[in-house]
Amino acid sequence: MPDWSSPAELRKDADAFAKLMHSILGIYLYEWLISLDFEWDFIRGKKTFRWPMIFYFLNRYLFLVAMILMAVSLDSIKVLNCHALYIFEQLAGNACIGLASISLSIRTMAIWGWNKYLVGSFIVIILGHWSLIFQGAQLKVTWIPGSGCFPVETHNRIFVVIFIYAMCFDLLILSLTTYKLVNRLSGNDAMGRSKLAHVIFRDGLIYFVIAFVANVLATIFMALNLNSIISIIFNVPAALGCTISACRAVRRLTNFSQNAPEVYSASNSGQVRFKAPVASGSRMRHRPGTAPQTGVHVQMETFTRAEEVVDPEYFASEAQKHRDGSDTDIEVDMEKGKEL
């Protein structure tokens, strides 16, 4: 059993820490570069910016800035203010874990129809999580000539609480999402049987598994408290796993929602309007005095319930009718008990 507090062991651990941080920076830079087209779609207006994307971009770029500063603190040949750098890096890393949980919780709140009791509970849980995150910058760092900045003292108890809190919150998010989606999948709701429900469930499950494994690993080493470096060596990989998986889940859901048929519902009139894309190059008919249509529009009056969802296969058949030369404006009157 090595003497974890000996100078030789600390030098070896510091070298391993530096190599791991550079590897994580390389992995994240690759992930960032291959997904830049997502940001470009917002810049050129192809995608609409909505408020939940604030947490996505904060998570994505806060981690990038933190990793760049980490590399600077390890590679700089000039004496730096190590304490200030590591305080920011620690807060940024913990914040990324919190932002990832927020991004997933927003999806759960939307699935539950923004139930006021659920939203209120989630806000309280999120505020509790962030109250712990802001207390997580409790460590002492020193400058080692030739090696850069390295922690010499950490307060692991607060870090353990932060990671356990995050794991419990993620489990709650997954459980509530699964419960709601299972009810939809087992019911008569066509939307519940759609690919969207499977995408949300699969991405949420993948995120939870990655985040849970990474957070458990980081918590174990913090609880062991072998030395100041080994105690926090897996904190950054945990933040990396949470950030990448959460951002990918957000991108997949956004791309799926904007590529799939859009659903517009009005609960007062019972009218549901659908828009389904058609193949490029198809010739569209439009009524005189109106602008040419870019897709197949279906307007439906229903008397069975306020909101009705139609099987996407229906729109595929309508698009085929359009390509065969039929009219693109379709009025469907649904009577009670009649299904598409």
C-alpha atoms as a PDB file:
ATOM      1  CA  MET A   1       0.000   0.000   0.000  1.00  0.00           C
ATOM      2  CA  PRO A   2       1.611   3.296  -1.065  1.00  0.00           C
ATOM      3  CA  ASP A   3       2.030   6.238   1.238  1.00  0.00           C
ATOM      4  CA  TRP A   4      -0.499   8.549  -0.384  1.00  0.00           C
ATOM      5  CA  SER A   5       0.824  11.639   1.396  1.00  0.00           C
ATOM      6  CA  SER A   6       4.499  11.164   0.481  1.00  0.00           C
ATOM      7  CA  PRO A   7       6.074  13.753  -1.867  1.00  0.00           C
ATOM      8  CA  ALA A   8       6.924  11.066  -4.450  1.00  0.00           C
ATOM      9  CA  GLU A   9       3.331   9.841  -4.550  1.00  0.00           C
ATOM     10  CA  LEU A  10       1.996  13.390  -4.773  1.00  0.00           C
ATOM     11  CA  ARG A  11       4.285  14.119  -7.742  1.00  0.00           C
ATOM     12  CA  LYS A  12       3.101  10.960  -9.484  1.00  0.00           C
ATOM     13  CA  ASP A  13      -0.545  11.782  -8.804  1.00  0.00           C
ATOM     14  CA  ALA A  14      -0.032  15.350 -10.008  1.00  0.00           C
ATOM     15  CA  ASP A  15       1.394  14.068 -13.288  1.00  0.00           C
ATOM     16  CA  ALA A  16      -1.564  11.691 -13.735  1.00  0.00           C
ATOM     17  CA  PHE A  17      -3.983  14.531 -12.915  1.00  0.00           C
ATOM     18  CA  ALA A  18      -2.408  16.817 -15.530  1.00  0.00           C
ATOM     19  CA  LYS A  19      -2.518  14.144 -18.242  1.00  0.00           C
ATOM     20  CA  LEU A  20      -6.146  13.309 -17.449  1.00  0.00           C
ATOM     21  CA  MET A  21      -7.181  16.981 -17.641  1.00  0.00           C
ATOM     22  CA  HIS A  22      -5.503  17.404 -21.035  1.00  0.00           C
ATOM     23  CA  SER A  23      -7.228  14.264 -22.295  1.00  0.00           C
ATOM     24  CA  ILE A  24     -10.612  15.545 -21.132  1.00  0.00           C
ATOM     25  CA  LEU A  25      -9.965  18.881 -22.851  1.00  0.00           C
ATOM     26  CA  GLY A  26      -9.204  17.050 -26.102  1.00  0.00           C
ATOM     27  CA  ILE A  27     -12.356  14.912 -25.830  1.00  0.00           C
ATOM     28  CA  TYR A  28     -14.562  17.897 -25.155  1.00  0.00           C
ATOM     29  CA  LEU A  29     -13.028  20.021 -27.916  1.00  0.00           C
ATOM     30  CA  TYR A  30     -13.788  17.202 -30.348  1.00  0.00           C
ATOM     31  CA  GLU A  31     -17.365  16.961 -29.054  1.00  0.00           C
ATOM     32  CA  TRP A  32     -17.747  20.739 -29.331  1.00  0.00           C
ATOM     33  CA  LEU A  33     -16.416  20.922 -32.890  1.00  0.00           C
ATOM     34  CA  ILE A  34     -18.551  18.111 -34.315  1.00  0.00           C
ATOM     35  CA  SER A  35     -21.724  19.733 -32.964  1.00  0.00           C
ATOM     36  CA  LEU A  36     -21.087  23.355 -33.973  1.00  0.00           C
ATOM     37  CA  ASP A  37     -23.665  23.047 -36.760  1.00  0.00           C
ATOM     38  CA  PHE A  38     -26.342  23.085 -34.051  1.00  0.00           C
ATOM     39  CA  GLU A  39     -25.291  26.595 -32.970  1.00  0.00           C
ATOM     40  CA  TRP A  40     -24.964  27.679 -36.595  1.00  0.00           C
ATOM     41  CA  ASP A  41     -28.611  26.744 -37.209  1.00  0.00           C
ATOM     42  CA  PHE A  42     -29.637  29.189 -34.473  1.00  0.00           C
ATOM     43  CA  ILE A  43     -27.389  31.942 -35.852  1.00  0.00           C
ATOM     44  CA  ARG A  44     -28.823  31.710 -39.369  1.00  0.00           C
ATOM     45  CA  GLY A  45     -32.394  31.404 -38.058  1.00  0.00           C
ATOM     46  CA  LYS A  46     -33.041  27.824 -39.091  1.00  0.00           C
ATOM     47  CA  LYS A  47     -33.881  26.961 -35.482  1.00  0.00           C
ATOM     48  CA  THR A  48     -35.916  29.107 -33.113  1.00  0.00           C
ATOM     49  CA  PHE A  49     -34.265  30.077 -29.851  1.00  0.00           C
ATOM     50  CA  ARG A  50     -36.398  29.324 -26.807  1.00  0.00           C
ATOM     51  CA  TRP A  51     -35.657  29.962 -23.158  1.00  0.00           C
ATOM     52  CA  PRO A  52     -34.758  26.347 -22.192  1.00  0.00           C
ATOM     53  CA  MET A  53     -31.783  26.640 -24.557  1.00  0.00           C
ATOM     54  CA  ILE A  54     -30.218  29.137 -22.123  1.00  0.00           C
ATOM     55  CA  PHE A  55     -29.272  26.267 -19.813  1.00  0.00           C
ATOM     56  CA  TYR A  56     -27.950  24.226 -22.749  1.00  0.00           C
ATOM     57  CA  PHE A  57     -25.577  26.969 -23.907  1.00  0.00           C
ATOM     58  CA  LEU A  58     -24.494  27.841 -20.357  1.00  0.00           C
ATOM     59  CA  ASN A  59     -23.653  24.198 -19.711  1.00  0.00           C
ATOM     60  CA  ARG A  60     -21.837  23.748 -23.018  1.00  0.00           C
ATOM     61  CA  TYR A  61     -19.663  26.853 -22.910  1.00  0.00           C
ATOM     62  CA  LEU A  62     -19.072  27.080 -19.183  1.00  0.00           C
ATOM     63  CA  PHE A  63     -17.429  23.663 -19.263  1.00  0.00           C
ATOM     64  CA  LEU A  64     -15.371  24.653 -22.319  1.00  0.00           C
ATOM     65  CA  VAL A  65     -14.064  27.804 -20.598  1.00  0.00           C
ATOM     66  CA  ALA A  66     -13.349  25.867 -17.395  1.00  0.00           C
ATOM     67  CA  MET A  67     -11.299  23.238 -19.253  1.00  0.00           C
ATOM     68  CA  ILE A  68      -9.308  25.855 -21.156  1.00  0.00           C
ATOM     69  CA  LEU A  69      -8.470  27.615 -17.887  1.00  0.00           C
ATOM     70  CA  MET A  70      -7.548  24.256 -16.357  1.00  0.00           C
ATOM     71  CA  ALA A  71      -5.039  23.668 -19.157  1.00  0.00           C
ATOM     72  CA  VAL A  72      -3.639  27.187 -18.657  1.00  0.00           C
ATOM     73  CA  SER A  73      -3.225  26.623 -14.924  1.00  0.00           C
ATOM     74  CA  LEU A  74      -1.333  23.376 -15.554  1.00  0.00           C
ATOM     75  CA  ASP A  75       0.842  24.525 -18.455  1.00  0.00           C
ATOM     76  CA  SER A  76       1.682  28.115 -17.610  1.00  0.00           C
ATOM     77  CA  ILE A  77       5.375  28.876 -17.024  1.00  0.00           C
ATOM     78  CA  LYS A  78       4.514  32.066 -15.162  1.00  0.00           C
ATOM     79  CA  VAL A  79       3.224  32.228 -11.603  1.00  0.00           C
ATOM     80  CA  LEU A  80      -0.569  32.481 -11.605  1.00  0.00           C
ATOM     81  CA  ASN A  81      -3.251  33.250  -9.066  1.00  0.00           C
ATOM     82  CA  CYS A  82      -3.932  29.551  -8.584  1.00  0.00           C
ATOM     83  CA  HIS A  83      -6.533  29.984  -5.893  1.00  0.00           C
ATOM     84  CA  ALA A  84      -8.768  32.227  -8.010  1.00  0.00           C
ATOM     85  CA  LEU A  85      -8.399  29.945 -11.040  1.00  0.00           C
ATOM     86  CA  TYR A  86      -9.304  26.796  -9.141  1.00  0.00           C
ATOM     87  CA  ILE A  87     -12.217  28.463  -7.362  1.00  0.00           C
ATOM     88  CA  PHE A  88     -13.723  29.314 -10.748  1.00  0.00           C
ATOM     89  CA  GLU A  89     -12.946  25.895 -12.200  1.00  0.00           C
ATOM     90  CA  GLN A  90     -14.494  24.102  -9.241  1.00  0.00           C
ATOM     91  CA  LEU A  91     -17.616  26.250  -9.325  1.00  0.00           C
ATOM     92  CA  ALA A  92     -17.888  25.848 -13.099  1.00  0.00           C
ATOM     93  CA  GLY A  93     -17.532  22.067 -12.906  1.00  0.00           C
ATOM     94  CA  ASN A  94     -20.185  21.751 -10.200  1.00  0.00           C
ATOM     95  CA  ALA A  95     -22.414  24.212 -12.073  1.00  0.00           C
ATOM     96  CA  CYS A  96     -22.223  22.079 -15.211  1.00  0.00           C
ATOM     97  CA  ILE A  97     -23.587  19.128 -13.248  1.00  0.00           C
ATOM     98  CA  GLY A  98     -26.399  21.356 -11.953  1.00  0.00           C
ATOM     99  CA  LEU A  99     -27.158  22.774 -15.419  1.00  0.00           C
ATOM    100  CA  ALA A 100     -27.307  19.271 -16.899  1.00  0.00           C
ATOM    101  CA  SER A 101     -29.911  18.297 -14.308  1.00  0.00           C
ATOM    102  CA  ILE A 102     -31.908  21.456 -15.068  1.00  0.00           C
ATOM    103  CA  SER A 103     -31.958  20.663 -18.802  1.00  0.00           C
ATOM    104  CA  LEU A 104     -33.354  17.196 -18.107  1.00  0.00           C
ATOM    105  CA  SER A 105     -35.820  18.466 -15.503  1.00  0.00           C
ATOM    106  CA  ILE A 106     -37.300  20.940 -18.005  1.00  0.00           C
ATOM    107  CA  ARG A 107     -38.158  18.032 -20.307  1.00  0.00           C
ATOM    108  CA  THR A 108     -39.840  16.230 -17.420  1.00  0.00           C
ATOM    109  CA  MET A 109     -41.878  19.306 -16.490  1.00  0.00           C
ATOM    110  CA  ALA A 110     -42.990  19.642 -20.125  1.00  0.00           C
ATOM    111  CA  ILE A 111     -43.998  15.970 -20.272  1.00  0.00           C
ATOM    112  CA  TRP A 112     -46.139  16.512 -17.165  1.00  0.00           C
ATOM    113  CA  GLY A 113     -47.846  19.486 -18.802  1.00  0.00           C
ATOM    114  CA  TRP A 114     -46.109  22.028 -16.537  1.00  0.00           C
ATOM    115  CA  ASN A 115     -48.051  20.797 -13.529  1.00  0.00           C
ATOM    116  CA  LYS A 116     -47.732  23.603 -10.995  1.00  0.00           C
ATOM    117  CA  TYR A 117     -47.035  21.259  -8.069  1.00  0.00           C
ATOM    118  CA  LEU A 118     -44.305  19.448  -9.996  1.00  0.00           C
ATOM    119  CA  VAL A 119     -42.772  22.698 -11.255  1.00  0.00           C
ATOM    120  CA  GLY A 120     -42.803  24.168  -7.746  1.00  0.00           C
ATOM    121  CA  SER A 121     -41.177  21.054  -6.297  1.00  0.00           C
ATOM    122  CA  PHE A 122     -38.492  21.047  -8.964  1.00  0.00           C
ATOM    123  CA  ILE A 123     -37.717  24.725  -8.366  1.00  0.00           C
ATOM    124  CA  VAL A 124     -37.214  24.044  -4.652  1.00  0.00           C
ATOM    125  CA  ILE A 125     -34.970  21.036  -5.429  1.00  0.00           C
ATOM    126  CA  ILE A 126     -32.927  23.044  -7.956  1.00  0.00           C
ATOM    127  CA  LEU A 127     -32.462  25.924  -5.527  1.00  0.00           C
ATOM    128  CA  GLY A 128     -31.310  23.458  -2.868  1.00  0.00           C
ATOM    129  CA  HIS A 129     -28.833  21.926  -5.318  1.00  0.00           C
ATOM    130  CA  TRP A 130     -27.383  25.294  -6.277  1.00  0.00           C
ATOM    131  CA  SER A 131     -27.103  26.385  -2.652  1.00  0.00           C
ATOM    132  CA  LEU A 132     -24.726  23.433  -2.249  1.00  0.00           C
ATOM    133  CA  ILE A 133     -22.911  24.151  -5.531  1.00  0.00           C
ATOM    134  CA  PHE A 134     -22.018  27.676  -4.418  1.00  0.00           C
ATOM    135  CA  GLN A 135     -20.479  26.226  -1.256  1.00  0.00           C
ATOM    136  CA  GLY A 136     -18.297  23.828  -3.254  1.00  0.00           C
ATOM    137  CA  ALA A 137     -15.383  26.193  -3.786  1.00  0.00           C
ATOM    138  CA  GLN A 138     -13.618  25.170  -0.580  1.00  0.00           C
ATOM    139  CA  LEU A 139     -10.071  24.180  -1.437  1.00  0.00           C
ATOM    140  CA  LYS A 140      -6.530  25.485  -1.198  1.00  0.00           C
ATOM    141  CA  VAL A 141      -4.230  25.520  -4.204  1.00  0.00           C
ATOM    142  CA  THR A 142      -0.525  26.198  -4.543  1.00  0.00           C
ATOM    143  CA  TRP A 143       1.869  26.919  -7.378  1.00  0.00           C
ATOM    144  CA  ILE A 144       4.438  24.186  -8.031  1.00  0.00           C
ATOM    145  CA  PRO A 145       7.339  25.372 -10.215  1.00  0.00           C
ATOM    146  CA  GLY A 146       7.477  23.341 -13.409  1.00  0.00           C
ATOM    147  CA  SER A 147       4.098  21.722 -12.757  1.00  0.00           C
ATOM    148  CA  GLY A 148       1.607  24.586 -12.437  1.00  0.00           C
ATOM    149  CA  CYS A 149      -1.307  24.831 -10.007  1.00  0.00           C
ATOM    150  CA  PHE A 150      -2.306  21.873  -7.853  1.00  0.00           C
ATOM    151  CA  PRO A 151      -4.680  21.517  -4.890  1.00  0.00           C
ATOM    152  CA  VAL A 152      -3.095  20.955  -1.497  1.00  0.00           C
ATOM    153  CA  GLU A 153      -6.244  20.861   0.650  1.00  0.00           C
ATOM    154  CA  THR A 154      -9.853  20.023  -0.169  1.00  0.00           C
ATOM    155  CA  HIS A 155     -13.074  19.870   1.823  1.00  0.00           C
ATOM    156  CA  ASN A 156     -14.551  16.689   0.480  1.00  0.00           C
ATOM    157  CA  ARG A 157     -17.665  16.543   2.627  1.00  0.00           C
ATOM    158  CA  ILE A 158     -19.469  19.275   0.700  1.00  0.00           C
ATOM    159  CA  PHE A 159     -18.390  17.722  -2.618  1.00  0.00           C
ATOM    160  CA  VAL A 160     -19.808  14.348  -1.581  1.00  0.00           C
ATOM    161  CA  VAL A 161     -23.114  15.975  -0.655  1.00  0.00           C
ATOM    162  CA  ILE A 162     -23.267  17.801  -4.022  1.00  0.00           C
ATOM    163  CA  PHE A 163     -22.721  14.630  -6.031  1.00  0.00           C
ATOM    164  CA  ILE A 164     -25.144  12.517  -3.976  1.00  0.00           C
ATOM    165  CA  TYR A 165     -27.762  15.270  -4.277  1.00  0.00           C
ATOM    166  CA  ALA A 166     -27.271  15.319  -8.059  1.00  0.00           C
ATOM    167  CA  MET A 167     -27.651  11.533  -8.284  1.00  0.00           C
ATOM    168  CA  CYS A 168     -30.889  11.591  -6.281  1.00  0.00           C
ATOM    169  CA  PHE A 169     -32.256  14.448  -8.381  1.00  0.00           C
ATOM    170  CA  ASP A 170     -31.404  12.638 -11.625  1.00  0.00           C
ATOM    171  CA  LEU A 171     -33.092   9.492 -10.324  1.00  0.00           C
ATOM    172  CA  LEU A 172     -36.224  11.494  -9.527  1.00  0.00           C
ATOM    173  CA  ILE A 173     -36.212  13.026 -13.028  1.00  0.00           C
ATOM    174  CA  LEU A 174     -35.838   9.621 -14.673  1.00  0.00           C
ATOM    175  CA  SER A 175     -38.546   8.048 -12.501  1.00  0.00           C
ATOM    176  CA  LEU A 176     -41.113  10.759 -13.211  1.00  0.00           C
ATOM    177  CA  THR A 177     -40.314  10.773 -16.926  1.00  0.00           C
ATOM    178  CA  THR A 178     -40.575   6.983 -17.134  1.00  0.00           C
ATOM    179  CA  TYR A 179     -43.859   6.921 -15.225  1.00  0.00           C
ATOM    180  CA  LYS A 180     -45.472   9.467 -17.523  1.00  0.00           C
ATOM    181  CA  LEU A 181     -44.169   7.930 -20.743  1.00  0.00           C
ATOM    182  CA  VAL A 182     -45.158   4.398 -19.706  1.00  0.00           C
ATOM    183  CA  ASN A 183     -48.709   5.624 -19.103  1.00  0.00           C
ATOM    184  CA  ARG A 184     -48.770   7.147 -22.571  1.00  0.00           C
ATOM    185  CA  LEU A 185     -47.260   4.107 -24.212  1.00  0.00           C
ATOM    186  CA  SER A 186     -49.844   1.841 -22.581  1.00  0.00           C
ATOM    187  CA  GLY A 187     -52.782   4.117 -23.346  1.00  0.00           C
ATOM    188  CA  ASN A 188     -54.649   5.041 -26.490  1.00  0.00           C
ATOM    189  CA  ASP A 189     -52.717   8.237 -27.079  1.00  0.00           C
ATOM    190  CA  ALA A 190     -51.084   8.000 -30.497  1.00  0.00           C
ATOM    191  CA  MET A 191     -48.446  10.503 -29.476  1.00  0.00           C
ATOM    192  CA  GLY A 192     -47.478   8.264 -26.587  1.00  0.00           C
ATOM    193  CA  ARG A 193     -46.716   5.480 -29.042  1.00  0.00           C
ATOM    194  CA  SER A 194     -44.661   7.771 -31.273  1.00  0.00           C
ATOM    195  CA  LYS A 195     -40.914   7.808 -31.682  1.00  0.00           C
ATOM    196  CA  LEU A 196     -40.762  11.011 -29.640  1.00  0.00           C
ATOM    197  CA  ALA A 197     -41.657   9.171 -26.432  1.00  0.00           C
ATOM    198  CA  HIS A 198     -38.978   6.567 -27.125  1.00  0.00           C
ATOM    199  CA  VAL A 199     -36.374   9.264 -27.867  1.00  0.00           C
ATOM    200  CA  ILE A 200     -37.110  11.068 -24.600  1.00  0.00           C
ATOM    201  CA  PHE A 201     -37.036   7.868 -22.559  1.00  0.00           C
ATOM    202  CA  ARG A 202     -33.883   6.452 -24.175  1.00  0.00           C
ATOM    203  CA  ASP A 203     -31.913   9.699 -23.926  1.00  0.00           C
ATOM    204  CA  GLY A 204     -33.014  10.195 -20.327  1.00  0.00           C
ATOM    205  CA  LEU A 205     -31.980   6.655 -19.427  1.00  0.00           C
ATOM    206  CA  ILE A 206     -28.593   6.996 -21.168  1.00  0.00           C
ATOM    207  CA  TYR A 207     -27.950  10.289 -19.384  1.00  0.00           C
ATOM    208  CA  PHE A 208     -28.857   8.825 -16.009  1.00  0.00           C
ATOM    209  CA  VAL A 209     -26.596   5.775 -16.428  1.00  0.00           C
ATOM    210  CA  ILE A 210     -23.606   7.883 -17.531  1.00  0.00           C
ATOM    211  CA  ALA A 211     -24.131  10.522 -14.847  1.00  0.00           C
ATOM    212  CA  PHE A 212     -24.765   7.946 -12.118  1.00  0.00           C
ATOM    213  CA  VAL A 213     -21.618   5.930 -12.882  1.00  0.00           C
ATOM    214  CA  ALA A 214     -19.447   9.053 -13.165  1.00  0.00           C
ATOM    215  CA  ASN A 215     -20.839  10.608  -9.983  1.00  0.00           C
ATOM    216  CA  VAL A 216     -20.518   7.380  -7.994  1.00  0.00           C
ATOM    217  CA  LEU A 217     -16.883   7.044  -9.052  1.00  0.00           C
ATOM    218  CA  ALA A 218     -16.131  10.631  -8.058  1.00  0.00           C
ATOM    219  CA  THR A 219     -17.973  10.228  -4.738  1.00  0.00           C
ATOM    220  CA  ILE A 220     -16.041   7.073  -3.845  1.00  0.00           C
ATOM    221  CA  PHE A 221     -12.665   8.728  -4.309  1.00  0.00           C
ATOM    222  CA  MET A 222     -13.759  11.824  -2.401  1.00  0.00           C
ATOM    223  CA  ALA A 223     -14.988   9.648   0.471  1.00  0.00           C
ATOM    224  CA  LEU A 224     -11.687   7.715   0.538  1.00  0.00           C
ATOM    225  CA  ASN A 225      -9.778  11.010   0.821  1.00  0.00           C
ATOM    226  CA  LEU A 226      -6.418   9.418  -0.020  1.00  0.00           C
ATOM    227  CA  ASN A 227      -4.788  12.773  -0.757  1.00  0.00           C
ATOM    228  CA  SER A 228      -5.760  16.214  -2.058  1.00  0.00           C
ATOM    229  CA  ILE A 229      -5.239  15.264  -5.734  1.00  0.00           C
ATOM    230  CA  ILE A 230      -6.761  11.789  -5.851  1.00  0.00           C
ATOM    231  CA  SER A 231      -9.797  13.067  -3.913  1.00  0.00           C
ATOM    232  CA  ILE A 232     -10.900  15.323  -6.776  1.00  0.00           C
ATOM    233  CA  ILE A 233      -9.323  13.604  -9.781  1.00  0.00           C
ATOM    234  CA  PHE A 234     -12.655  12.174 -10.997  1.00  0.00           C
ATOM    235  CA  ASN A 235     -14.736  15.322 -10.410  1.00  0.00           C
ATOM    236  CA  VAL A 236     -13.954  16.679 -13.873  1.00  0.00           C
ATOM    237  CA  PRO A 237     -14.726  13.373 -15.683  1.00  0.00           C
ATOM    238  CA  ALA A 238     -18.085  13.347 -13.866  1.00  0.00           C
ATOM    239  CA  ALA A 239     -18.841  16.869 -15.110  1.00  0.00           C
ATOM    240  CA  LEU A 240     -17.707  15.839 -18.605  1.00  0.00           C
ATOM    241  CA  GLY A 241     -20.070  12.845 -18.696  1.00  0.00           C
ATOM    242  CA  CYS A 242     -23.030  14.881 -17.439  1.00  0.00           C
ATOM    243  CA  THR A 243     -22.370  17.763 -19.833  1.00  0.00           C
ATOM    244  CA  ILE A 244     -21.903  15.701 -23.006  1.00  0.00           C
ATOM    245  CA  SER A 245     -24.847  13.375 -22.385  1.00  0.00           C
ATOM    246  CA  ALA A 246     -27.219  16.201 -21.369  1.00  0.00           C
ATOM    247  CA  CYS A 247     -26.240  18.398 -24.328  1.00  0.00           C
ATOM    248  CA  ARG A 248     -26.640  15.504 -26.749  1.00  0.00           C
ATOM    249  CA  ALA A 249     -30.082  14.758 -25.321  1.00  0.00           C
ATOM    250  CA  VAL A 250     -31.115  18.391 -25.816  1.00  0.00           C
ATOM    251  CA  ARG A 251     -29.807  18.446 -29.399  1.00  0.00           C
ATOM    252  CA  ARG A 252     -31.522  15.176 -30.314  1.00  0.00           C
ATOM    253  CA  LEU A 253     -34.857  16.331 -28.915  1.00  0.00           C
ATOM    254  CA  THR A 254     -34.601  19.743 -30.621  1.00  0.00           C
ATOM    255  CA  ASN A 255     -33.677  18.233 -33.983  1.00  0.00           C
ATOM    256  CA  PHE A 256     -36.393  15.584 -33.677  1.00  0.00           C
ATOM    257  CA  SER A 257     -39.078  18.129 -32.771  1.00  0.00           C
ATOM    258  CA  GLN A 258     -38.191  20.472 -35.615  1.00  0.00           C
ATOM    259  CA  ASN A 259     -37.911  17.720 -38.231  1.00  0.00           C
ATOM    260  CA  ALA A 260     -41.076  15.851 -37.202  1.00  0.00           C
ATOM    261  CA  PRO A 261     -44.651  17.010 -37.976  1.00  0.00           C
ATOM    262  CA  GLU A 262     -45.566  19.979 -35.814  1.00  0.00           C
ATOM    263  CA  VAL A 263     -48.680  19.827 -33.689  1.00  0.00           C
ATOM    264  CA  TYR A 264     -50.688  22.904 -32.790  1.00  0.00           C
ATOM    265  CA  SER A 265     -53.650  22.520 -30.458  1.00  0.00           C
ATOM    266  CA  ALA A 266     -56.324  24.872 -29.191  1.00  0.00           C
ATOM    267  CA  SER A 267     -58.257  23.543 -26.231  1.00  0.00           C
ATOM    268  CA  ASN A 268     -61.166  25.973 -26.486  1.00  0.00           C
ATOM    269  CA  SER A 269     -62.260  25.280 -30.029  1.00  0.00           C
ATOM    270  CA  GLY A 270     -61.135  21.658 -30.125  1.00  0.00           C
ATOM    271  CA  GLN A 271     -59.218  22.403 -33.318  1.00  0.00           C
ATOM    272  CA  VAL A 272     -55.870  20.759 -33.960  1.00  0.00           C
ATOM    273  CA  ARG A 273     -53.709  21.845 -36.857  1.00  0.00           C
ATOM    274  CA  PHE A 274     -50.888  19.721 -38.179  1.00  0.00           C
ATOM    275  CA  LYS A 275     -48.071  20.506 -40.536  1.00  0.00           C
ATOM    276  CA  ALA A 276     -46.155  17.727 -42.226  1.00  0.00           C
ATOM    277  CA  PRO A 277     -43.160  18.237 -44.541  1.00  0.00           C
ATOM    278  CA  VAL A 278     -43.180  17.001 -48.106  1.00  0.00           C
ATOM    279  CA  ALA A 279     -40.365  15.905 -50.356  1.00  0.00           C
ATOM    280  CA  SER A 280     -38.249  18.639 -51.902  1.00  0.00           C
ATOM    281  CA  GLY A 281     -38.950  19.253 -55.535  1.00  0.00           C
ATOM    282  CA  SER A 282     -42.668  18.482 -55.231  1.00  0.00           C
ATOM    283  CA  ARG A 283     -44.995  20.943 -56.917  1.00  0.00           C
ATOM    284  CA  MET A 284     -47.456  22.626 -54.558  1.00  0.00           C
ATOM    285  CA  ARG A 285     -50.891  23.972 -55.399  1.00  0.00           C
ATOM    286  CA  HIS A 286     -52.233  26.970 -53.593  1.00  0.00           C
ATOM    287  CA  ARG A 287     -55.412  28.955 -53.619  1.00  0.00           C
ATOM    288  CA  PRO A 288     -55.527  32.280 -55.494  1.00  0.00           C
ATOM    289  CA  GLY A 289     -54.547  35.229 -53.376  1.00  0.00           C
ATOM    290  CA  THR A 290     -52.613  33.134 -50.850  1.00  0.00           C
ATOM    291  CA  ALA A 291     -48.932  32.437 -50.490  1.00  0.00           C
ATOM    292  CA  PRO A 292     -47.630  29.078 -51.734  1.00  0.00           C
ATOM    293  CA  GLN A 293     -47.641  26.416 -49.050  1.00  0.00           C
ATOM    294  CA  THR A 294     -44.480  24.628 -48.029  1.00  0.00           C
ATOM    295  CA  GLY A 295     -46.061  21.545 -46.548  1.00  0.00           C
ATOM    296  CA  VAL A 296     -49.173  19.493 -46.160  1.00  0.00           C
ATOM    297  CA  HIS A 297     -51.569  21.226 -43.786  1.00  0.00           C
ATOM    298  CA  VAL A 298     -54.373  19.346 -42.095  1.00  0.00           C
ATOM    299  CA  GLN A 299     -57.086  21.168 -40.207  1.00  0.00           C
ATOM    300  CA  MET A 300     -59.281  18.961 -38.094  1.00  0.00           C
ATOM    301  CA  GLU A 301     -62.396  19.624 -36.070  1.00  0.00           C
ATOM    302  CA  THR A 302     -62.992  17.112 -33.319  1.00  0.00           C
ATOM    303  CA  PHE A 303     -65.844  16.735 -30.871  1.00  0.00           C
ATOM    304  CA  THR A 304     -64.451  13.804 -28.933  1.00  0.00           C
ATOM    305  CA  ARG A 305     -61.918  15.667 -26.821  1.00  0.00           C
ATOM    306  CA  ALA A 306     -60.076  18.950 -26.724  1.00  0.00           C
ATOM    307  CA  GLU A 307     -56.763  17.687 -28.029  1.00  0.00           C
ATOM    308  CA  GLU A 308     -56.368  14.900 -30.549  1.00  0.00           C
ATOM    309  CA  VAL A 309     -53.149  13.486 -31.922  1.00  0.00           C
ATOM    310  CA  VAL A 310     -52.969  11.776 -35.275  1.00  0.00           C
ATOM    311  CA  ASP A 311     -50.675   8.937 -36.271  1.00  0.00           C
ATOM    312  CA  PRO A 312     -47.739  10.303 -38.301  1.00  0.00           C
ATOM    313  CA  GLU A 313     -48.384   7.542 -40.872  1.00  0.00           C
ATOM    314  CA  TYR A 314     -51.512   9.459 -41.829  1.00  0.00           C
ATOM    315  CA  PHE A 315     -49.419  12.378 -42.976  1.00  0.00           C
ATOM    316  CA  ALA A 316     -47.198  10.109 -45.010  1.00  0.00           C
ATOM    317  CA  SER A 317     -50.250   8.937 -46.946  1.00  0.00           C
ATOM    318  CA  GLU A 318     -51.404  12.526 -47.441  1.00  0.00           C
ATOM    319  CA  ALA A 319     -47.972  13.507 -48.713  1.00  0.00           C
ATOM    320  CA  GLN A 320     -48.146  10.611 -51.178  1.00  0.00           C
ATOM    321  CA  LYS A 321     -51.560  11.839 -52.353  1.00  0.00           C
ATOM    322  CA  HIS A 322     -50.035  15.259 -52.906  1.00  0.00           C
ATOM    323  CA  ARG A 323     -47.235  13.818 -54.974  1.00  0.00           C
ATOM    324  CA  ASP A 324     -49.864  11.987 -57.034  1.00  0.00           C
ATOM    325  CA  GLY A 325     -51.518  15.312 -57.847  1.00  0.00           C
ATOM    326  CA  SER A 326     -54.254  15.632 -55.230  1.00  0.00           C
ATOM    327  CA  ASP A 327     -55.010  18.890 -53.430  1.00  0.00           C
ATOM    328  CA  THR A 328     -52.774  19.826 -50.477  1.00  0.00           C
ATOM    329  CA  ASP A 329     -55.420  21.574 -48.363  1.00  0.00           C
ATOM    330  CA  ILE A 330     -57.353  18.824 -46.635  1.00  0.00           C
ATOM    331  CA  GLU A 331     -60.348  19.382 -44.384  1.00  0.00           C
ATOM    332  CA  VAL A 332     -61.146  16.365 -42.222  1.00  0.00           C
ATOM    333  CA  ASP A 333     -64.376  16.367 -40.204  1.00  0.00           C
ATOM    334  CA  MET A 334     -64.199  13.789 -37.488  1.00  0.00           C
ATOM    335  CA  GLU A 335     -67.410  12.576 -35.943  1.00  0.00           C
ATOM    336  CA  LYS A 336     -67.753  11.041 -32.553  1.00  0.00           C
ATOM    337  CA  GLY A 337     -66.216   7.601 -32.369  1.00  0.00           C
ATOM    338  CA  LYS A 338     -64.465   7.931 -35.738  1.00  0.00           C
ATOM    339  CA  GLU A 339     -60.708   7.349 -35.817  1.00  0.00           C
ATOM    340  CA  LEU A 340     -58.125   8.006 -38.498  1.00  0.00           C
END
